[in-house]
Protein backbone atom coordinates (compact mmCIF):
# COMPACT_ATOMS: atom_id res chain seq x y z
CA MET A 1 33.75 10.98 -27.02
CA ASN A 2 31.76 12.52 -24.14
CA SER A 3 34.46 11.45 -21.69
CA ARG A 4 36.89 13.56 -23.58
CA LEU A 5 34.79 16.55 -23.17
CA SER A 6 34.47 16.64 -19.35
CA VAL A 7 35.97 19.40 -17.37
CA ALA A 8 38.37 16.89 -15.90
CA ALA A 9 39.79 16.25 -19.35
CA VAL A 10 41.84 19.48 -19.19
CA SER A 11 44.97 17.38 -19.80
CA ALA A 12 43.43 16.17 -23.16
CA VAL A 13 43.71 19.61 -24.61
CA SER A 14 45.25 19.37 -28.07
CA LEU A 15 46.65 22.15 -30.20
CA VAL A 16 47.98 21.91 -33.74
CA ALA A 17 49.61 24.48 -36.00
CA LEU A 18 50.07 23.79 -39.72
CA MET A 19 52.30 26.09 -41.73
CA GLY A 20 51.52 26.63 -45.36
CA GLY A 21 55.02 28.11 -45.67
CA THR A 22 57.86 28.88 -43.33
CA THR A 23 60.17 31.43 -45.10
CA VAL A 24 59.97 35.19 -45.05
CA ALA A 25 58.76 36.42 -48.33
CA THR A 26 61.68 38.86 -49.01
CA ALA A 27 62.69 37.48 -52.32
CA GLN A 28 59.47 38.50 -54.12
CA GLU A 29 60.12 42.16 -54.83
CA SER A 30 56.59 42.66 -56.22
CA ASP A 31 55.00 41.57 -52.96
CA PRO A 32 53.03 44.52 -51.37
CA ALA A 33 54.17 43.34 -47.93
CA PRO A 34 57.71 41.89 -48.44
CA LYS A 35 58.28 41.50 -44.66
CA SER A 36 55.29 39.19 -44.07
CA CYS A 37 55.30 35.42 -43.72
CA ASP A 38 53.59 32.93 -45.96
CA GLY A 39 50.02 31.59 -45.20
CA VAL A 40 49.25 29.62 -42.06
CA ARG A 41 46.42 27.62 -40.57
CA LEU A 42 46.21 27.35 -36.76
CA THR A 43 43.93 24.96 -34.88
CA GLY A 44 43.06 24.78 -31.15
CA GLU A 45 40.69 22.55 -29.15
CA LEU A 46 39.77 23.05 -25.57
CA PRO A 47 37.40 21.33 -23.06
CA ALA A 48 34.72 23.73 -21.74
CA PRO A 49 35.51 24.80 -18.17
CA ALA A 50 33.30 24.63 -15.11
CA PRO A 51 30.75 27.53 -14.73
CA GLY A 52 32.48 30.70 -13.72
CA GLN A 53 35.86 29.44 -15.19
CA ALA A 54 37.58 30.20 -18.40
CA VAL A 55 40.27 28.25 -20.49
CA SER A 56 42.28 29.88 -23.32
CA GLY A 57 45.20 29.46 -25.57
CA GLN A 58 47.46 31.59 -27.79
CA ILE A 59 49.76 30.94 -30.69
CA THR A 60 52.22 33.51 -31.93
CA ILE A 61 53.99 33.81 -35.35
CA GLY A 62 57.69 33.76 -34.26
CA PRO A 63 60.66 35.45 -35.79
CA ASP A 64 61.35 32.57 -38.25
CA CYS A 65 57.68 32.65 -39.28
CA GLU A 66 56.99 29.39 -37.26
CA PRO A 67 54.03 29.25 -34.99
CA GLU A 68 55.03 29.33 -31.32
CA LEU A 69 52.49 27.60 -29.04
CA GLY A 70 51.82 29.24 -25.72
CA SER A 71 50.55 27.54 -22.64
CA VAL A 72 46.89 26.90 -22.06
CA ARG A 73 45.58 29.18 -19.41
CA ARG A 74 42.82 28.42 -16.87
CA GLY A 75 41.22 30.60 -14.34
CA PRO A 76 38.17 32.58 -13.31
CA ALA A 77 36.01 33.86 -16.09
CA SER A 78 36.61 37.53 -16.84
CA ASP A 79 34.21 40.27 -17.82
CA ARG A 80 34.84 39.91 -21.60
CA PRO A 81 33.76 42.75 -23.89
CA ALA A 82 30.14 42.83 -25.20
CA ARG A 83 31.25 41.75 -28.61
CA THR A 84 31.51 38.10 -27.16
CA ALA A 85 27.68 38.11 -27.09
CA ALA A 86 26.34 37.48 -23.57
CA THR A 87 23.35 35.29 -24.57
CA ALA A 88 21.98 33.24 -27.43
CA THR A 89 18.46 34.30 -27.74
CA THR A 90 17.90 35.96 -31.09
CA ARG A 91 16.37 33.00 -32.81
CA ALA A 92 12.71 32.16 -32.27
CA THR A 93 13.54 28.41 -32.10
CA THR A 94 15.79 29.11 -29.09
CA ALA A 95 13.71 31.64 -27.17
CA ALA A 96 13.55 29.24 -24.26
CA ALA A 97 17.32 29.46 -23.85
CA THR A 98 17.01 32.84 -22.00
CA THR A 99 16.79 30.85 -18.74
CA ALA A 100 19.04 27.90 -19.94
CA GLY A 101 20.77 25.82 -17.31
CA HIS A 102 24.02 25.92 -19.28
CA GLN A 103 25.79 28.65 -21.04
CA LEU A 104 29.05 28.93 -22.99
CA ARG A 105 30.87 31.81 -24.66
CA GLY A 106 33.78 31.43 -27.17
CA TRP A 107 36.17 33.75 -28.81
CA ASN A 108 38.47 33.36 -31.82
CA GLU A 109 40.72 36.51 -32.30
CA MET A 110 43.68 37.52 -34.45
CA TYR A 111 45.92 40.27 -33.13
CA ASP A 112 48.88 42.02 -34.78
CA CYS A 113 52.25 42.69 -33.26
CA CYS A 114 51.02 45.91 -31.61
CA ASN A 115 48.34 44.10 -29.73
CA ILE A 116 45.55 45.52 -31.98
CA ARG A 117 42.77 43.04 -32.57
CA MET A 118 42.38 42.79 -36.38
CA THR A 119 39.56 40.21 -36.71
CA GLY A 120 37.34 38.22 -34.39
CA LEU A 121 34.59 35.60 -34.30
CA TYR A 122 32.48 35.12 -31.14
CA THR A 123 29.87 32.60 -30.18
CA ALA A 124 27.42 32.37 -27.31
CA SER A 125 25.65 29.07 -26.60
CA SER A 126 22.74 28.14 -24.23
CA TRP A 127 21.16 24.82 -23.66
CA ASP A 128 18.88 22.97 -21.36
CA THR A 129 18.94 19.29 -20.49
CA ALA A 130 16.48 16.76 -19.09
CA ASP A 131 16.08 13.02 -19.08
CA GLY A 132 19.44 12.42 -20.97
CA ARG A 133 18.45 14.84 -23.72
CA VAL A 134 19.27 18.34 -24.81
CA THR A 135 15.74 19.82 -24.61
CA THR A 136 16.50 23.23 -26.10
CA ALA A 137 19.66 24.81 -27.44
CA GLY A 138 21.02 27.53 -29.62
CA THR A 139 24.29 29.39 -30.57
CA THR A 140 24.65 32.83 -32.06
CA ALA A 141 27.68 34.28 -33.67
CA THR A 142 28.99 37.76 -33.91
CA GLN A 143 31.93 39.30 -35.73
CA GLU A 144 34.25 42.31 -35.17
CA TRP A 145 36.98 43.71 -37.23
CA ASN A 146 39.40 46.74 -37.16
CA ARG A 147 38.98 49.73 -39.41
CA GLU A 148 41.49 52.47 -40.11
CA PRO A 149 40.56 56.16 -39.78
CA TRP A 150 40.66 56.85 -43.52
CA ASP A 151 37.85 54.41 -44.25
CA ALA A 152 40.15 51.45 -44.91
CA GLY A 153 41.40 48.40 -43.06
CA TRP A 154 39.64 45.03 -42.34
CA SER A 155 36.09 44.20 -43.51
CA LEU A 156 33.79 41.24 -43.20
CA THR A 157 33.27 39.58 -46.62
CA SER A 158 31.21 36.56 -45.54
CA GLN A 159 29.74 34.85 -42.52
CA THR A 160 27.61 31.71 -41.76
CA ALA A 161 26.35 29.98 -38.64
CA LYS A 162 24.22 26.88 -38.06
CA ASP A 163 23.13 24.36 -35.39
CA ASP A 164 22.45 20.77 -36.42
CA CYS A 165 19.62 20.48 -33.80
CA ALA A 166 17.62 22.83 -31.58
CA THR A 167 15.09 20.86 -29.61
CA ASP A 168 15.11 17.29 -28.16
CA CYS A 169 18.60 16.45 -29.24
CA ALA A 170 21.09 13.76 -28.24
CA GLU A 171 23.75 16.40 -28.66
CA VAL A 172 24.08 19.69 -30.48
CA ASN A 173 26.89 20.58 -32.87
CA SER A 174 27.14 24.26 -33.81
CA GLU A 175 29.45 25.94 -36.15
CA ALA A 176 30.27 29.51 -37.31
CA HIS A 177 32.56 30.90 -39.98
CA ALA A 178 33.62 34.35 -40.96
CA ASP A 179 35.97 35.67 -43.69
CA PHE A 180 37.66 39.03 -43.55
CA ALA A 181 39.68 40.90 -46.12
CA TYR A 182 42.08 43.75 -45.68
CA GLN A 183 42.77 46.83 -47.84
CA GLY A 184 44.65 49.66 -46.28
CA VAL A 185 47.95 51.18 -45.37
CA PHE A 186 49.81 47.88 -45.25
CA ASP A 187 48.39 46.61 -48.55
CA PRO A 188 46.48 49.12 -50.85
CA THR A 189 45.67 46.41 -53.37
CA GLY A 190 43.46 44.29 -51.02
CA ASP A 191 44.93 41.17 -52.38
CA TRP A 192 47.52 40.22 -49.73
CA TYR A 193 45.74 39.58 -46.42
CA ASP A 194 42.68 37.49 -45.63
CA ASN A 195 41.67 35.97 -42.35
CA THR A 196 39.16 33.16 -42.12
CA HIS A 197 37.83 32.16 -38.66
CA HIS A 198 36.02 28.94 -37.79
CA SER A 199 34.45 28.00 -34.46
CA TYR A 200 32.86 24.78 -33.53
CA VAL A 201 30.90 24.05 -30.31
CA GLN A 202 29.47 20.65 -29.16
CA LEU A 203 26.89 20.78 -26.44
CA THR A 204 25.93 17.46 -24.68
CA ALA A 205 23.07 16.15 -22.61
CA ASP A 206 25.18 15.72 -19.57
CA GLY A 207 25.92 19.45 -19.53
CA THR A 208 29.50 19.26 -20.77
CA ALA A 209 30.80 20.92 -23.93
CA SER A 210 33.83 21.48 -26.05
CA CYS A 211 35.12 24.33 -28.09
CA ARG A 212 37.27 23.93 -31.31
CA PHE A 213 38.72 26.86 -33.31
CA ASP A 214 40.55 27.35 -36.64
CA VAL A 215 41.98 30.40 -38.42
CA GLU A 216 43.34 30.43 -41.91
CA LEU A 217 45.65 33.42 -42.79
CA ARG A 218 46.61 34.12 -46.35
CA HIS A 219 49.73 35.99 -45.14
CA THR A 220 51.05 37.04 -41.65
CA PHE A 221 53.52 39.25 -39.97
CA VAL A 222 56.07 38.11 -37.35
CA GLY A 223 54.42 38.84 -34.02
CA TRP A 224 50.85 38.29 -35.14
CA ASN A 225 49.06 36.11 -32.47
CA TRP A 226 45.94 34.18 -32.35
CA ARG A 227 43.83 33.99 -29.14
CA TYR A 228 41.00 31.64 -28.59
CA GLY A 229 39.09 30.28 -25.52
CA CYS A 230 35.71 29.59 -23.89
CA GLU A 231 34.07 30.30 -20.60
């Protein structure tokens, strides 16, 4: 599996989109958002880029409610906002990661058709290696969501994060999850929209890594787009 995670394995990028439904929900007169699409699950997997580089992808909900896969983009790492968490140092068990030899940041974001970020899950990983082992490692997760001016909009309802190993590891597998609910101008009931983000990171003893992302949407609008990547 490690050979698939090397930077040279960019051509091995795989992306999958699974629709829970593909019709516009206009026939249900009682729906609070009759122009939205049915639920969708989107998945993206990326090899971690070389230091100083970034790789990212995007999937957009098209006019027929089908996911439209964009091209994978590669290039220099950008100055991403602070919400992506610059370091992974908050846990006592990973204090040594402040000077880690390897670092990786990931983002998993859902935007609406007006380019407003609705919900996002972000990870920051640091790990050191020696003698074919991961000596210390840790990943922290942060979440962000959009609020409306009248104390409405998206809210975080649950979040979890864990590493399967922190010191003297053959490899480290980290995962983070965040669930967001919406109640506001587009749905006053709070029962229609729900975004659940999942991020998975694998850190290896040879210094390579991989990022995998999932998002589950209870309902969507045409034009919503999911953006994910790592650097």
